[in-house]
C-alpha atoms as a PDB file:
ATOM      1  CA  MET A   1     -20.304   2.614  19.776  1.00  0.00           C
ATOM      2  CA  LYS A   2     -18.953   5.922  18.513  1.00  0.00           C
ATOM      3  CA  LYS A   3     -15.470   4.957  19.557  1.00  0.00           C
ATOM      4  CA  LEU A   4     -15.565   1.695  17.591  1.00  0.00           C
ATOM      5  CA  GLY A   5     -16.808   3.369  14.529  1.00  0.00           C
ATOM      6  CA  PHE A   6     -13.992   5.825  14.654  1.00  0.00           C
ATOM      7  CA  PHE A   7     -11.552   2.995  15.147  1.00  0.00           C
ATOM      8  CA  ILE A   8     -12.868   1.082  12.042  1.00  0.00           C
ATOM      9  CA  ILE A   9     -12.648   4.348  10.038  1.00  0.00           C
ATOM     10  CA  GLN A  10      -9.145   4.969  11.306  1.00  0.00           C
ATOM     11  CA  GLU A  11      -8.233   1.432  10.315  1.00  0.00           C
ATOM     12  CA  MET A  12      -9.792   1.614   6.799  1.00  0.00           C
ATOM     13  CA  ILE A  13      -7.901   4.935   6.194  1.00  0.00           C
ATOM     14  CA  ILE A  14      -4.571   3.457   7.385  1.00  0.00           C
ATOM     15  CA  SER A  15      -4.923   0.351   5.251  1.00  0.00           C
ATOM     16  CA  GLY A  16      -5.842   2.604   2.253  1.00  0.00           C
ATOM     17  CA  VAL A  17      -2.806   4.697   2.711  1.00  0.00           C
ATOM     18  CA  ARG A  18      -0.648   1.637   3.005  1.00  0.00           C
ATOM     19  CA  LYS A  19      -1.976   0.273  -0.212  1.00  0.00           C
ATOM     20  CA  ILE A  20      -1.512   3.509  -2.010  1.00  0.00           C
ATOM     21  CA  ILE A  21       2.209   3.827  -0.654  1.00  0.00           C
ATOM     22  CA  PHE A  22       2.756   0.143  -1.585  1.00  0.00           C
ATOM     23  CA  SER A  23       1.525   0.531  -5.325  1.00  0.00           C
ATOM     24  CA  LEU A  24       3.466   3.836  -5.636  1.00  0.00           C
ATOM     25  CA  ARG A  25       6.601   2.025  -4.328  1.00  0.00           C
ATOM     26  CA  MET A  26       6.035  -0.759  -6.890  1.00  0.00           C
ATOM     27  CA  LEU A  27       5.636   1.683  -9.626  1.00  0.00           C
ATOM     28  CA  PHE A  28       8.806   3.551  -8.568  1.00  0.00           C
ATOM     29  CA  PHE A  29      10.858   0.303  -8.352  1.00  0.00           C
ATOM     30  CA  ALA A  30       9.590  -0.838 -11.737  1.00  0.00           C
ATOM     31  CA  LYS A  31      10.542   2.436 -13.359  1.00  0.00           C
ATOM     32  CA  ASN A  32      13.916   2.683 -11.600  1.00  0.00           C
ATOM     33  CA  ASN A  33      15.101  -0.867 -12.032  1.00  0.00           C
ATOM     34  CA  PHE A  34      13.328  -1.537 -15.367  1.00  0.00           C
ATOM     35  CA  ARG A  35      11.760  -4.597 -13.627  1.00  0.00           C
ATOM     36  CA  THR A  36       8.313  -5.869 -13.734  1.00  0.00           C
ATOM     37  CA  PRO A  37       6.154  -5.239 -10.685  1.00  0.00           C
ATOM     38  CA  ASP A  38       5.826  -9.008 -10.295  1.00  0.00           C
ATOM     39  CA  ALA A  39       9.503  -9.217  -9.700  1.00  0.00           C
ATOM     40  CA  VAL A  40       9.264  -6.458  -7.030  1.00  0.00           C
ATOM     41  CA  PHE A  41       6.229  -8.340  -5.581  1.00  0.00           C
ATOM     42  CA  CYS A  42       8.153 -11.545  -5.195  1.00  0.00           C
ATOM     43  CA  GLU A  43      11.091  -9.978  -3.456  1.00  0.00           C
ATOM     44  CA  LYS A  44       8.847  -9.052  -0.481  1.00  0.00           C
END
């Protein structure tokens, strides 16, 4: 049971980091290209 809990926590951390990186990237693109985050979001 401990292993499963650790795995779930690890997955949550990884997904959280991915979300942070994704939002930072969207902000970066919006600032650099003077585009709205929606335009960047549609490109993916």
